[in-house]
Amino acid sequence: MKDLHNIIKGPCLTEKANILQELQGTVVFRVDPRANKIEIKHAVEDLFNVKVSTVKTISVRGKQKRMGVKSLGRTSDWKKAYITLSEGEINFLEEL
C-alpha cells in the first residue's frame, strides 16, 4: 500500500467544492493520478478519522499554455476525488 500522505495531495478549495460540502457533505480532494478508489477511501478514513460512504474520481486534463510567442506548453494532468462522508466532518477553513 502507498503512503497515505502521497495519495492525498490536498483539498480542492473552490466555490463548487464549498457548496457540495455544505449541502451534501461531499469533500473534494486532489489525489495521486495512480491511486484507485479503495486506496483513496482508506487514506481519507485514516487521516481524518471519518467514515466514507462513496468515492467518485475524475481525471482532469492539463490546459495548454503559451510559452513565449511561438511555443505552446501544457500544465500537468491531475486527478480529483469527490468523497461523500457518512459519519464525521472535515472543515478546511477552520484549520487554515
N, C-alpha and C. Protein backbone atom coordinates (compact mmCIF):
# COMPACT_ATOMS: atom_id res chain seq x y z
N MET A 1 0.84 -1.18 0.00
CA MET A 1 0.00 0.00 0.00
C MET A 1 0.88 1.25 0.00
N LYS A 2 0.43 2.27 -0.67
CA LYS A 2 1.18 3.51 -0.78
C LYS A 2 1.08 4.30 0.52
N ASP A 3 1.98 5.27 0.69
CA ASP A 3 1.94 6.16 1.83
C ASP A 3 0.68 7.02 1.76
N LEU A 4 -0.01 7.18 2.88
CA LEU A 4 -1.28 7.91 2.89
C LEU A 4 -1.11 9.37 2.48
N HIS A 5 -0.01 9.98 2.86
CA HIS A 5 0.21 11.39 2.53
C HIS A 5 0.56 11.58 1.06
N ASN A 6 1.01 10.54 0.39
CA ASN A 6 1.28 10.64 -1.04
C ASN A 6 0.03 10.43 -1.88
N ILE A 7 -0.97 9.77 -1.33
CA ILE A 7 -2.22 9.56 -2.06
C ILE A 7 -3.05 10.84 -2.08
N ILE A 8 -3.20 11.48 -0.93
CA ILE A 8 -3.97 12.72 -0.83
C ILE A 8 -3.00 13.89 -1.00
N LYS A 9 -3.14 14.63 -2.10
CA LYS A 9 -2.26 15.76 -2.36
C LYS A 9 -2.71 17.01 -1.61
N GLY A 10 -4.01 17.21 -1.50
CA GLY A 10 -4.52 18.38 -0.80
C GLY A 10 -5.98 18.61 -1.13
N PRO A 11 -6.61 19.54 -0.41
CA PRO A 11 -8.01 19.83 -0.69
C PRO A 11 -8.16 20.68 -1.94
N CYS A 12 -9.30 20.58 -2.55
CA CYS A 12 -9.64 21.40 -3.71
C CYS A 12 -10.61 22.47 -3.21
N LEU A 13 -10.09 23.67 -2.93
CA LEU A 13 -10.88 24.73 -2.33
C LEU A 13 -11.44 25.65 -3.41
N THR A 14 -12.57 25.23 -3.97
CA THR A 14 -13.25 26.02 -4.99
C THR A 14 -14.65 26.35 -4.50
N GLU A 15 -15.32 27.21 -5.22
CA GLU A 15 -16.69 27.57 -4.85
C GLU A 15 -17.63 26.38 -4.96
N LYS A 16 -17.46 25.59 -6.01
CA LYS A 16 -18.28 24.40 -6.19
C LYS A 16 -18.05 23.39 -5.06
N ALA A 17 -16.79 23.22 -4.65
CA ALA A 17 -16.48 22.29 -3.58
C ALA A 17 -17.08 22.74 -2.25
N ASN A 18 -17.08 24.04 -1.98
CA ASN A 18 -17.68 24.56 -0.75
C ASN A 18 -19.19 24.34 -0.73
N ILE A 19 -19.85 24.53 -1.86
CA ILE A 19 -21.29 24.30 -1.94
C ILE A 19 -21.62 22.83 -1.73
N LEU A 20 -20.84 21.93 -2.35
CA LEU A 20 -21.07 20.49 -2.18
C LEU A 20 -20.86 20.07 -0.73
N GLN A 21 -19.87 20.66 -0.07
CA GLN A 21 -19.61 20.29 1.32
C GLN A 21 -20.74 20.76 2.24
N GLU A 22 -21.27 21.93 2.00
CA GLU A 22 -22.36 22.44 2.83
C GLU A 22 -23.67 21.68 2.61
N LEU A 23 -24.01 21.41 1.35
CA LEU A 23 -25.31 20.83 1.05
C LEU A 23 -25.34 19.31 1.15
N GLN A 24 -24.29 18.63 0.68
CA GLN A 24 -24.33 17.17 0.58
C GLN A 24 -23.34 16.46 1.48
N GLY A 25 -22.44 17.17 2.11
CA GLY A 25 -21.42 16.52 2.92
C GLY A 25 -20.35 15.86 2.07
N THR A 26 -20.10 16.41 0.89
CA THR A 26 -19.09 15.87 -0.03
C THR A 26 -17.84 16.74 0.02
N VAL A 27 -16.69 16.10 0.19
CA VAL A 27 -15.41 16.80 0.25
C VAL A 27 -14.64 16.49 -1.02
N VAL A 28 -13.92 17.49 -1.55
CA VAL A 28 -13.19 17.32 -2.80
C VAL A 28 -11.69 17.40 -2.51
N PHE A 29 -10.95 16.39 -2.98
CA PHE A 29 -9.51 16.34 -2.79
C PHE A 29 -8.81 16.22 -4.13
N ARG A 30 -7.59 16.74 -4.19
CA ARG A 30 -6.68 16.50 -5.30
C ARG A 30 -5.85 15.28 -4.89
N VAL A 31 -5.85 14.22 -5.72
CA VAL A 31 -5.22 12.96 -5.34
C VAL A 31 -4.18 12.54 -6.39
N ASP A 32 -3.41 11.53 -6.05
CA ASP A 32 -2.41 10.98 -6.95
C ASP A 32 -3.11 10.32 -8.13
N PRO A 33 -2.68 10.60 -9.37
CA PRO A 33 -3.36 10.02 -10.54
C PRO A 33 -3.32 8.49 -10.60
N ARG A 34 -2.38 7.86 -9.91
CA ARG A 34 -2.28 6.40 -9.94
C ARG A 34 -3.10 5.73 -8.84
N ALA A 35 -3.68 6.50 -7.93
CA ALA A 35 -4.44 5.93 -6.82
C ALA A 35 -5.82 5.49 -7.28
N ASN A 36 -6.29 4.37 -6.71
CA ASN A 36 -7.64 3.91 -7.04
C ASN A 36 -8.60 4.29 -5.91
N LYS A 37 -9.88 3.99 -6.10
CA LYS A 37 -10.91 4.43 -5.15
C LYS A 37 -10.74 3.80 -3.77
N ILE A 38 -10.31 2.55 -3.72
CA ILE A 38 -10.15 1.87 -2.44
C ILE A 38 -9.01 2.49 -1.64
N GLU A 39 -7.89 2.79 -2.30
CA GLU A 39 -6.77 3.44 -1.62
C GLU A 39 -7.15 4.84 -1.13
N ILE A 40 -7.91 5.58 -1.93
CA ILE A 40 -8.34 6.92 -1.55
C ILE A 40 -9.25 6.84 -0.33
N LYS A 41 -10.17 5.87 -0.32
CA LYS A 41 -11.10 5.71 0.81
C LYS A 41 -10.34 5.41 2.10
N HIS A 42 -9.40 4.48 2.06
CA HIS A 42 -8.63 4.13 3.26
C HIS A 42 -7.77 5.30 3.73
N ALA A 43 -7.20 6.06 2.80
CA ALA A 43 -6.36 7.19 3.17
C ALA A 43 -7.17 8.27 3.88
N VAL A 44 -8.36 8.60 3.37
CA VAL A 44 -9.19 9.64 3.99
C VAL A 44 -9.69 9.17 5.36
N GLU A 45 -10.09 7.92 5.47
CA GLU A 45 -10.58 7.41 6.75
C GLU A 45 -9.48 7.42 7.81
N ASP A 46 -8.26 7.06 7.43
CA ASP A 46 -7.16 7.02 8.40
C ASP A 46 -6.64 8.41 8.75
N LEU A 47 -6.57 9.31 7.79
CA LEU A 47 -6.00 10.64 8.05
C LEU A 47 -6.96 11.55 8.83
N PHE A 48 -8.26 11.48 8.54
CA PHE A 48 -9.21 12.43 9.12
C PHE A 48 -10.18 11.82 10.12
N ASN A 49 -10.09 10.52 10.41
CA ASN A 49 -10.97 9.83 11.36
C ASN A 49 -12.45 10.05 11.06
N VAL A 50 -12.83 9.79 9.81
CA VAL A 50 -14.22 9.90 9.37
C VAL A 50 -14.62 8.59 8.70
N LYS A 51 -15.89 8.44 8.43
CA LYS A 51 -16.41 7.26 7.73
C LYS A 51 -16.82 7.69 6.33
N VAL A 52 -16.25 7.04 5.30
CA VAL A 52 -16.50 7.39 3.91
C VAL A 52 -17.62 6.52 3.36
N SER A 53 -18.58 7.17 2.70
CA SER A 53 -19.69 6.45 2.09
C SER A 53 -19.37 6.08 0.65
N THR A 54 -19.06 7.08 -0.19
CA THR A 54 -18.74 6.83 -1.60
C THR A 54 -17.54 7.65 -2.02
N VAL A 55 -16.86 7.16 -3.06
CA VAL A 55 -15.73 7.87 -3.66
C VAL A 55 -15.98 7.91 -5.17
N LYS A 56 -15.96 9.10 -5.74
CA LYS A 56 -16.07 9.29 -7.18
C LYS A 56 -14.82 10.02 -7.63
N THR A 57 -14.18 9.53 -8.71
CA THR A 57 -12.95 10.15 -9.19
C THR A 57 -13.14 10.67 -10.61
N ILE A 58 -12.33 11.66 -10.94
CA ILE A 58 -12.33 12.23 -12.28
C ILE A 58 -10.91 12.63 -12.62
N SER A 59 -10.49 12.32 -13.84
CA SER A 59 -9.17 12.72 -14.32
C SER A 59 -9.30 14.03 -15.08
N VAL A 60 -8.54 15.02 -14.66
CA VAL A 60 -8.61 16.35 -15.25
C VAL A 60 -7.41 16.53 -16.17
N ARG A 61 -7.68 16.89 -17.42
CA ARG A 61 -6.59 17.11 -18.38
C ARG A 61 -5.97 18.47 -18.14
N GLY A 62 -4.65 18.55 -18.37
CA GLY A 62 -3.96 19.82 -18.23
C GLY A 62 -4.31 20.77 -19.36
N LYS A 63 -4.21 22.05 -19.08
CA LYS A 63 -4.55 23.06 -20.07
C LYS A 63 -3.33 23.43 -20.90
N GLN A 64 -3.58 23.89 -22.12
CA GLN A 64 -2.49 24.41 -22.95
C GLN A 64 -2.19 25.83 -22.53
N LYS A 65 -0.91 26.13 -22.37
CA LYS A 65 -0.47 27.47 -22.01
C LYS A 65 0.56 27.93 -23.03
N ARG A 66 0.55 29.21 -23.33
CA ARG A 66 1.52 29.76 -24.26
C ARG A 66 2.82 30.05 -23.52
N MET A 67 3.92 29.59 -24.08
CA MET A 67 5.25 29.81 -23.52
C MET A 67 6.03 30.69 -24.48
N GLY A 68 5.87 31.99 -24.37
CA GLY A 68 6.51 32.89 -25.31
C GLY A 68 5.61 33.11 -26.52
N VAL A 69 6.23 33.46 -27.63
CA VAL A 69 5.46 33.82 -28.82
C VAL A 69 5.10 32.60 -29.66
N LYS A 70 6.05 31.69 -29.85
CA LYS A 70 5.83 30.60 -30.80
C LYS A 70 5.46 29.26 -30.17
N SER A 71 5.96 28.97 -29.00
CA SER A 71 5.80 27.62 -28.48
C SER A 71 4.63 27.52 -27.51
N LEU A 72 4.04 26.34 -27.47
CA LEU A 72 2.95 26.03 -26.56
C LEU A 72 3.42 25.00 -25.54
N GLY A 73 2.93 25.12 -24.32
CA GLY A 73 3.22 24.15 -23.28
C GLY A 73 1.92 23.64 -22.69
N ARG A 74 2.02 22.70 -21.77
CA ARG A 74 0.83 22.15 -21.12
C ARG A 74 1.09 22.07 -19.62
N THR A 75 0.03 22.28 -18.84
CA THR A 75 0.12 22.01 -17.42
C THR A 75 -0.09 20.51 -17.23
N SER A 76 0.25 20.02 -16.08
CA SER A 76 0.18 18.59 -15.81
C SER A 76 -1.26 18.12 -15.68
N ASP A 77 -1.51 16.87 -16.07
CA ASP A 77 -2.79 16.23 -15.83
C ASP A 77 -2.87 15.89 -14.34
N TRP A 78 -4.09 15.90 -13.77
CA TRP A 78 -4.24 15.58 -12.36
C TRP A 78 -5.57 14.89 -12.13
N LYS A 79 -5.75 14.38 -10.92
CA LYS A 79 -6.94 13.60 -10.59
C LYS A 79 -7.64 14.22 -9.39
N LYS A 80 -8.98 14.24 -9.45
CA LYS A 80 -9.79 14.83 -8.40
C LYS A 80 -10.71 13.74 -7.85
N ALA A 81 -10.94 13.75 -6.54
CA ALA A 81 -11.82 12.77 -5.91
C ALA A 81 -12.93 13.48 -5.13
N TYR A 82 -14.18 13.10 -5.41
CA TYR A 82 -15.34 13.59 -4.67
C TYR A 82 -15.68 12.52 -3.64
N ILE A 83 -15.56 12.86 -2.35
CA ILE A 83 -15.72 11.89 -1.28
C ILE A 83 -16.94 12.29 -0.45
N THR A 84 -17.93 11.40 -0.40
CA THR A 84 -19.12 11.63 0.40
C THR A 84 -18.93 10.95 1.75
N LEU A 85 -19.12 11.73 2.81
CA LEU A 85 -18.92 11.23 4.17
C LEU A 85 -20.24 10.77 4.76
N SER A 86 -20.22 9.62 5.45
CA SER A 86 -21.42 9.15 6.14
C SER A 86 -21.38 9.53 7.61
N GLU A 87 -20.18 9.55 8.21
CA GLU A 87 -20.01 9.96 9.60
C GLU A 87 -18.81 10.87 9.70
N GLY A 88 -18.94 11.91 10.51
CA GLY A 88 -17.84 12.83 10.72
C GLY A 88 -17.91 14.01 9.78
N GLU A 89 -16.93 14.92 9.95
CA GLU A 89 -16.91 16.14 9.17
C GLU A 89 -15.47 16.61 9.02
N ILE A 90 -15.16 17.14 7.85
CA ILE A 90 -13.84 17.72 7.59
C ILE A 90 -14.08 19.18 7.21
N ASN A 91 -13.46 20.09 7.96
CA ASN A 91 -13.61 21.52 7.69
C ASN A 91 -12.23 22.12 7.49
N PHE A 92 -11.92 22.51 6.26
CA PHE A 92 -10.60 23.03 5.95
C PHE A 92 -10.45 24.49 6.33
N LEU A 93 -11.52 25.26 6.34
CA LEU A 93 -11.43 26.68 6.59
C LEU A 93 -11.09 26.99 8.04
N GLU A 94 -11.48 26.15 8.99
CA GLU A 94 -11.12 26.35 10.39
C GLU A 94 -9.65 26.04 10.66
N GLU A 95 -9.08 25.11 9.88
CA GLU A 95 -7.70 24.70 10.10
C GLU A 95 -6.71 25.69 9.52
N LEU A 96 -7.15 26.54 8.57
CA LEU A 96 -6.24 27.50 7.95
C LEU A 96 -5.95 28.66 8.81
